[in-house]
Amino acid sequence: MKRIILFLAIVLLGSAFSSCVILSPKKYKALLARQDSLNNGWSESQLSGGNLEKTVAKLKRDTADLNGRLNELQGKYDAMSGNYSKLKSNSSTAISKLSDDLKKREQRLKEVEDVLRKRDEASNKLKEKLQEALLGFTKSGLTVEMKNGKVYVSLTDKLLFPSGSIIIDEKGKQALSQLAKVLKEQPEIIIAVEGHTDSQKINNLGQIKDNWDLSVLRSTSVVRFLTETEKVPGIRLTATGKGEFQPLEANTTPDGRSKNRRIEIVLSPKLDELYNLIKQ
């Protein structure tokens, strides 16, 4: 660039000498001023060029920095995208498994409900048969009802035993015989015989010391009659004594105490199918 300026200056001087051998002072000063102006322009150009180089260098550094940050952000984005894809895949798997588990639970619930429905239907049919078979004893204190899927046949002590006795009288045997006919037709029914008393203390009954003894011995008397006389399989029966601790009514009146002195025969359908479902 400097050479070009000098060349132009020489050309201008040459032109001046060619047109006029001797330059006037005025023209000479004008040429000098022109040369100074060109030199200043060159210096400014050099300064401006230096600034531009610095600017370019700074822009390169900024660009490199931005590229680094961009690469870093791209890496983070790729990592997040990978994690999101993995999370989405895991979520889909978890949702699918949860859905399958829910379907299985719904199926098991339906199966349990079906078993309970069958149990209630069987219990209702049994109750109807017993009510029909024992209809002649209802006035003597016999009741048949269903609670919680079980059939309860309740016989007051007046129907089965003489006062203070554990030996079943004839009328009681007739009622138990009718009951046994129905039970033998229902081999899937489990039979629990429960003895109950009032809260009055036992006096002068020989081997019977208290209400526990009385309730247990009356219960076993009924079980023996059903198994030994009526041939109901003993494996289906259990005998328990509840004493005075599960009264139907308060023991403060003769009528209440009479209702509390009773034998309850609890009949339950076998629920093996239900138990197997629950264990799964």
Protein backbone atom coordinates (compact mmCIF):
# COMPACT_ATOMS: atom_id res chain seq x y z
CA MET A 1 0.00 0.00 0.00
CA LYS A 2 2.89 2.36 0.88
CA ARG A 3 4.56 1.68 -2.48
CA ILE A 4 1.38 2.59 -4.31
CA ILE A 5 1.21 5.91 -2.49
CA LEU A 6 4.87 6.71 -3.31
CA PHE A 7 4.27 5.76 -6.90
CA LEU A 8 1.35 8.10 -7.12
CA ALA A 9 3.45 10.88 -5.57
CA ILE A 10 6.23 10.36 -8.12
CA VAL A 11 3.70 10.33 -10.95
CA LEU A 12 2.26 13.60 -9.70
CA LEU A 13 5.74 15.13 -9.47
CA GLY A 14 6.58 13.84 -12.91
CA SER A 15 3.46 15.37 -14.30
CA ALA A 16 4.31 18.60 -12.67
CA PHE A 17 7.84 18.64 -14.08
CA SER A 18 6.60 17.62 -17.52
CA SER A 19 4.15 20.45 -17.64
CA CYS A 20 6.47 22.87 -16.04
CA VAL A 21 10.11 22.46 -15.46
CA ILE A 22 10.22 24.79 -12.50
CA LEU A 23 7.39 24.47 -9.91
CA SER A 24 6.11 27.53 -8.25
CA PRO A 25 6.34 27.58 -4.45
CA LYS A 26 2.62 27.39 -4.24
CA LYS A 27 2.37 24.19 -6.25
CA TYR A 28 5.30 22.71 -4.38
CA LYS A 29 3.55 23.31 -1.06
CA ALA A 30 0.35 21.79 -2.46
CA LEU A 31 2.24 18.67 -3.46
CA LEU A 32 3.82 18.40 -0.03
CA ALA A 33 0.45 18.79 1.60
CA ARG A 34 -0.94 16.09 -0.68
CA GLN A 35 1.90 13.78 0.31
CA ASP A 36 1.30 14.43 4.01
CA SER A 37 -2.39 13.67 3.55
CA LEU A 38 -1.57 10.38 1.86
CA ASN A 39 0.89 9.45 4.59
CA ASN A 40 -1.73 10.20 7.26
CA GLY A 41 -4.30 8.11 5.39
CA TRP A 42 -1.82 5.28 5.29
CA SER A 43 -1.18 5.49 9.02
CA GLU A 44 -4.89 5.56 9.75
CA SER A 45 -5.41 2.60 7.44
CA GLN A 46 -2.70 0.69 9.27
CA LEU A 47 -4.32 1.54 12.64
CA SER A 48 -7.77 0.58 11.39
CA GLY A 49 -6.40 -2.66 9.96
CA GLY A 50 -4.85 -3.49 13.36
CA ASN A 51 -8.15 -2.86 15.09
CA LEU A 52 -9.93 -5.05 12.57
CA GLU A 53 -7.41 -7.85 13.17
CA LYS A 54 -8.01 -7.58 16.92
CA THR A 55 -11.75 -7.63 16.31
CA VAL A 56 -11.44 -10.66 14.04
CA ALA A 57 -9.29 -12.44 16.65
CA LYS A 58 -11.85 -11.65 19.36
CA LEU A 59 -14.68 -12.87 17.14
CA LYS A 60 -12.76 -16.10 16.52
CA ARG A 61 -12.26 -16.59 20.25
CA ASP A 62 -15.95 -15.85 20.92
CA THR A 63 -16.95 -18.24 18.14
CA ALA A 64 -14.74 -20.97 19.58
CA ASP A 65 -16.20 -20.35 23.03
CA LEU A 66 -19.74 -20.48 21.68
CA ASN A 67 -18.94 -23.69 19.81
CA GLY A 68 -17.63 -25.18 23.06
CA ARG A 69 -20.74 -24.16 24.95
CA LEU A 70 -22.90 -25.41 22.09
CA ASN A 71 -21.14 -28.79 22.17
CA GLU A 72 -21.58 -28.93 25.96
CA LEU A 73 -25.28 -28.13 25.68
CA GLN A 74 -25.64 -30.66 22.87
CA GLY A 75 -24.06 -33.31 25.11
CA LYS A 76 -26.42 -32.44 27.96
CA TYR A 77 -29.37 -32.51 25.59
CA ASP A 78 -28.32 -35.92 24.21
CA ALA A 79 -27.94 -37.25 27.78
CA MET A 80 -31.35 -35.88 28.79
CA SER A 81 -32.89 -37.26 25.62
CA GLY A 82 -31.40 -40.68 26.38
CA ASN A 83 -32.65 -40.55 29.97
CA TYR A 84 -36.09 -39.50 28.77
CA SER A 85 -36.22 -42.36 26.29
CA LYS A 86 -35.11 -44.81 29.00
CA LEU A 87 -37.63 -43.36 31.48
CA LYS A 88 -40.37 -43.53 28.86
CA SER A 89 -39.49 -47.16 28.12
CA ASN A 90 -39.41 -48.04 31.84
CA SER A 91 -42.69 -46.20 32.41
CA SER A 92 -44.33 -48.08 29.57
CA THR A 93 -43.08 -51.37 31.01
CA ALA A 94 -44.25 -50.43 34.52
CA ILE A 95 -47.67 -49.32 33.25
CA SER A 96 -48.03 -52.52 31.26
CA LYS A 97 -47.11 -54.64 34.32
CA LEU A 98 -49.46 -52.64 36.54
CA SER A 99 -52.24 -53.12 34.03
CA ASP A 100 -51.63 -56.88 33.94
CA ASP A 101 -51.58 -57.06 37.76
CA LEU A 102 -54.82 -55.10 37.92
CA LYS A 103 -56.49 -57.47 35.46
CA LYS A 104 -55.32 -60.46 37.50
CA ARG A 105 -56.64 -58.89 40.72
CA GLU A 106 -59.96 -58.12 39.07
CA GLN A 107 -60.18 -61.72 37.87
CA ARG A 108 -59.41 -63.07 41.37
CA LEU A 109 -61.96 -60.69 42.89
CA LYS A 110 -64.57 -61.93 40.45
CA GLU A 111 -63.72 -65.53 41.33
CA VAL A 112 -63.98 -64.82 45.07
CA GLU A 113 -67.30 -63.04 44.57
CA ASP A 114 -68.57 -66.05 42.59
CA VAL A 115 -67.56 -68.41 45.41
CA LEU A 116 -69.24 -66.21 48.03
CA ARG A 117 -72.36 -65.99 45.89
CA LYS A 118 -72.46 -69.78 45.57
CA ARG A 119 -71.95 -70.07 49.33
CA ASP A 120 -74.87 -67.74 50.05
CA GLU A 121 -77.07 -69.56 47.56
CA ALA A 122 -76.21 -72.91 49.17
CA SER A 123 -76.82 -71.50 52.66
CA ASN A 124 -80.18 -70.09 51.65
CA LYS A 125 -81.27 -73.42 50.17
CA LEU A 126 -80.13 -75.22 53.32
CA LYS A 127 -82.00 -72.75 55.50
CA GLU A 128 -85.20 -73.32 53.49
CA LYS A 129 -84.86 -77.10 53.80
CA LEU A 130 -84.25 -76.90 57.55
CA GLN A 131 -87.17 -74.54 58.11
CA GLU A 132 -89.41 -76.96 56.24
CA ALA A 133 -88.06 -80.04 58.07
CA LEU A 134 -88.21 -78.45 61.53
CA LEU A 135 -91.43 -76.53 61.10
CA GLY A 136 -93.18 -78.61 63.78
CA PHE A 137 -90.65 -77.53 66.44
CA THR A 138 -90.73 -73.78 65.98
CA LYS A 139 -93.34 -73.36 68.71
CA SER A 140 -91.05 -75.22 71.11
CA GLY A 141 -88.30 -72.66 70.81
CA LEU A 142 -86.48 -73.74 67.63
CA THR A 143 -85.35 -71.02 65.20
CA VAL A 144 -83.46 -71.10 61.89
CA GLU A 145 -81.70 -68.01 60.55
CA MET A 146 -78.77 -67.07 58.35
CA LYS A 147 -75.91 -64.78 59.43
CA ASN A 148 -72.67 -64.04 57.58
CA GLY A 149 -73.18 -66.86 55.12
CA LYS A 150 -73.84 -69.44 57.86
CA VAL A 151 -77.09 -71.09 58.96
CA TYR A 152 -77.82 -71.04 62.71
CA VAL A 153 -80.25 -73.60 64.15
CA SER A 154 -80.99 -72.56 67.72
CA LEU A 155 -82.74 -74.94 70.12
CA THR A 156 -83.68 -73.82 73.63
CA ASP A 157 -82.76 -76.10 76.50
CA LYS A 158 -86.49 -76.76 77.13
CA LEU A 159 -86.68 -78.47 73.72
CA LEU A 160 -83.66 -80.72 74.31
CA PHE A 161 -83.01 -81.29 78.02
CA PRO A 162 -84.86 -81.63 81.31
CA SER A 163 -83.93 -78.89 83.77
CA GLY A 164 -80.28 -79.17 84.85
CA SER A 165 -79.74 -82.34 82.78
CA ILE A 166 -77.35 -83.23 79.99
CA ILE A 167 -79.49 -86.13 78.72
CA ILE A 168 -81.60 -85.37 75.64
CA ASP A 169 -85.32 -86.03 76.09
CA GLU A 170 -87.61 -87.62 73.48
CA LYS A 171 -88.89 -84.39 71.98
CA GLY A 172 -85.33 -83.17 71.57
CA LYS A 173 -84.33 -86.41 69.86
CA GLN A 174 -87.20 -85.99 67.38
CA ALA A 175 -85.99 -82.50 66.47
CA LEU A 176 -82.37 -83.64 66.08
CA SER A 177 -83.47 -86.62 63.93
CA GLN A 178 -85.27 -84.29 61.54
CA LEU A 179 -82.19 -82.06 61.47
CA ALA A 180 -79.92 -85.06 60.79
CA LYS A 181 -81.97 -86.08 57.72
CA VAL A 182 -81.22 -82.73 56.09
CA LEU A 183 -77.56 -82.74 57.17
CA LYS A 184 -76.93 -86.19 55.67
CA GLU A 185 -78.24 -84.88 52.34
CA GLN A 186 -75.69 -82.04 52.49
CA PRO A 187 -72.28 -83.75 52.91
CA GLU A 188 -70.40 -80.52 52.10
CA ILE A 189 -71.79 -78.79 55.20
CA ILE A 190 -69.54 -78.38 58.27
CA ILE A 191 -71.40 -78.67 61.61
CA ALA A 192 -70.42 -76.87 64.83
CA VAL A 193 -72.48 -77.57 67.97
CA GLU A 194 -72.25 -74.81 70.60
CA GLY A 195 -73.60 -75.06 74.15
CA HIS A 196 -74.76 -71.85 75.91
CA THR A 197 -76.06 -71.17 79.44
CA ASP A 198 -77.42 -68.29 81.45
CA SER A 199 -75.41 -66.62 84.23
CA GLN A 200 -77.06 -68.44 87.17
CA LYS A 201 -74.63 -70.47 89.26
CA ILE A 202 -74.83 -74.26 89.15
CA ASN A 203 -75.90 -75.96 92.41
CA ASN A 204 -76.04 -79.66 93.36
CA LEU A 205 -75.49 -81.11 89.87
CA GLY A 206 -72.93 -83.73 90.84
CA GLN A 207 -70.10 -83.87 88.30
CA ILE A 208 -71.20 -80.59 86.68
CA LYS A 209 -69.23 -77.93 88.51
CA ASP A 210 -70.21 -74.76 86.64
CA ASN A 211 -71.76 -73.32 83.48
CA TRP A 212 -68.65 -74.20 81.46
CA ASP A 213 -69.18 -77.86 82.28
CA LEU A 214 -72.90 -77.70 81.58
CA SER A 215 -72.46 -75.99 78.17
CA VAL A 216 -69.73 -78.40 77.05
CA LEU A 217 -71.51 -81.58 78.22
CA ARG A 218 -74.80 -80.60 76.58
CA SER A 219 -72.92 -79.84 73.35
CA THR A 220 -71.18 -83.24 73.38
CA SER A 221 -74.51 -84.96 74.13
CA VAL A 222 -75.94 -83.52 70.91
CA VAL A 223 -72.84 -84.49 68.93
CA ARG A 224 -72.99 -88.07 70.25
CA PHE A 225 -76.65 -88.37 69.29
CA LEU A 226 -76.01 -87.10 65.77
CA THR A 227 -72.98 -89.34 65.22
CA GLU A 228 -73.92 -92.50 67.12
CA THR A 229 -77.69 -92.60 66.60
CA GLU A 230 -78.20 -90.67 63.35
CA LYS A 231 -74.87 -91.71 61.77
CA VAL A 232 -73.73 -88.24 60.74
CA PRO A 233 -69.95 -88.59 60.08
CA GLY A 234 -68.06 -87.38 63.13
CA ILE A 235 -65.40 -85.73 60.95
CA ARG A 236 -67.97 -83.10 60.05
CA LEU A 237 -68.78 -82.09 63.63
CA THR A 238 -67.16 -80.12 66.44
CA ALA A 239 -68.50 -79.61 69.97
CA THR A 240 -67.78 -76.46 71.99
CA GLY A 241 -69.05 -74.90 75.20
CA LYS A 242 -69.50 -71.13 75.40
CA GLY A 243 -70.80 -71.01 78.97
CA GLU A 244 -72.63 -67.81 79.86
CA PHE A 245 -70.43 -65.51 77.79
CA GLN A 246 -72.40 -65.15 74.54
CA PRO A 247 -75.94 -64.30 75.73
CA LEU A 248 -78.70 -63.37 73.32
CA GLU A 249 -80.45 -61.21 75.92
CA ALA A 250 -79.78 -59.86 79.41
CA ASN A 251 -79.86 -62.42 82.20
CA THR A 252 -81.95 -60.12 84.40
CA THR A 253 -85.33 -61.71 83.55
CA PRO A 254 -86.57 -65.32 83.48
CA ASP A 255 -87.46 -64.98 79.78
CA GLY A 256 -84.00 -63.59 78.92
CA ARG A 257 -82.27 -66.40 80.85
CA SER A 258 -84.45 -68.98 79.09
CA LYS A 259 -83.40 -67.71 75.66
CA ASN A 260 -79.75 -67.73 76.67
CA ARG A 261 -79.89 -71.42 77.70
CA ARG A 262 -79.65 -72.99 74.27
CA ILE A 263 -77.83 -75.23 71.82
CA GLU A 264 -76.78 -73.54 68.59
CA ILE A 265 -75.93 -75.72 65.60
CA VAL A 266 -73.91 -73.61 63.16
CA LEU A 267 -73.85 -74.92 59.61
CA SER A 268 -71.16 -73.65 57.21
CA PRO A 269 -70.56 -74.62 53.57
CA LYS A 270 -67.03 -75.81 52.87
CA LEU A 271 -65.00 -72.96 51.42
CA ASP A 272 -61.95 -74.84 50.14
CA GLU A 273 -62.30 -73.13 46.78
CA LEU A 274 -62.34 -69.72 48.44
CA TYR A 275 -59.34 -70.53 50.65
CA ASN A 276 -57.36 -71.68 47.62
CA LEU A 277 -58.14 -68.42 45.84
CA ILE A 278 -57.03 -66.38 48.83
CA LYS A 279 -53.72 -68.26 49.09
CA GLN A 280 -52.80 -67.52 45.47
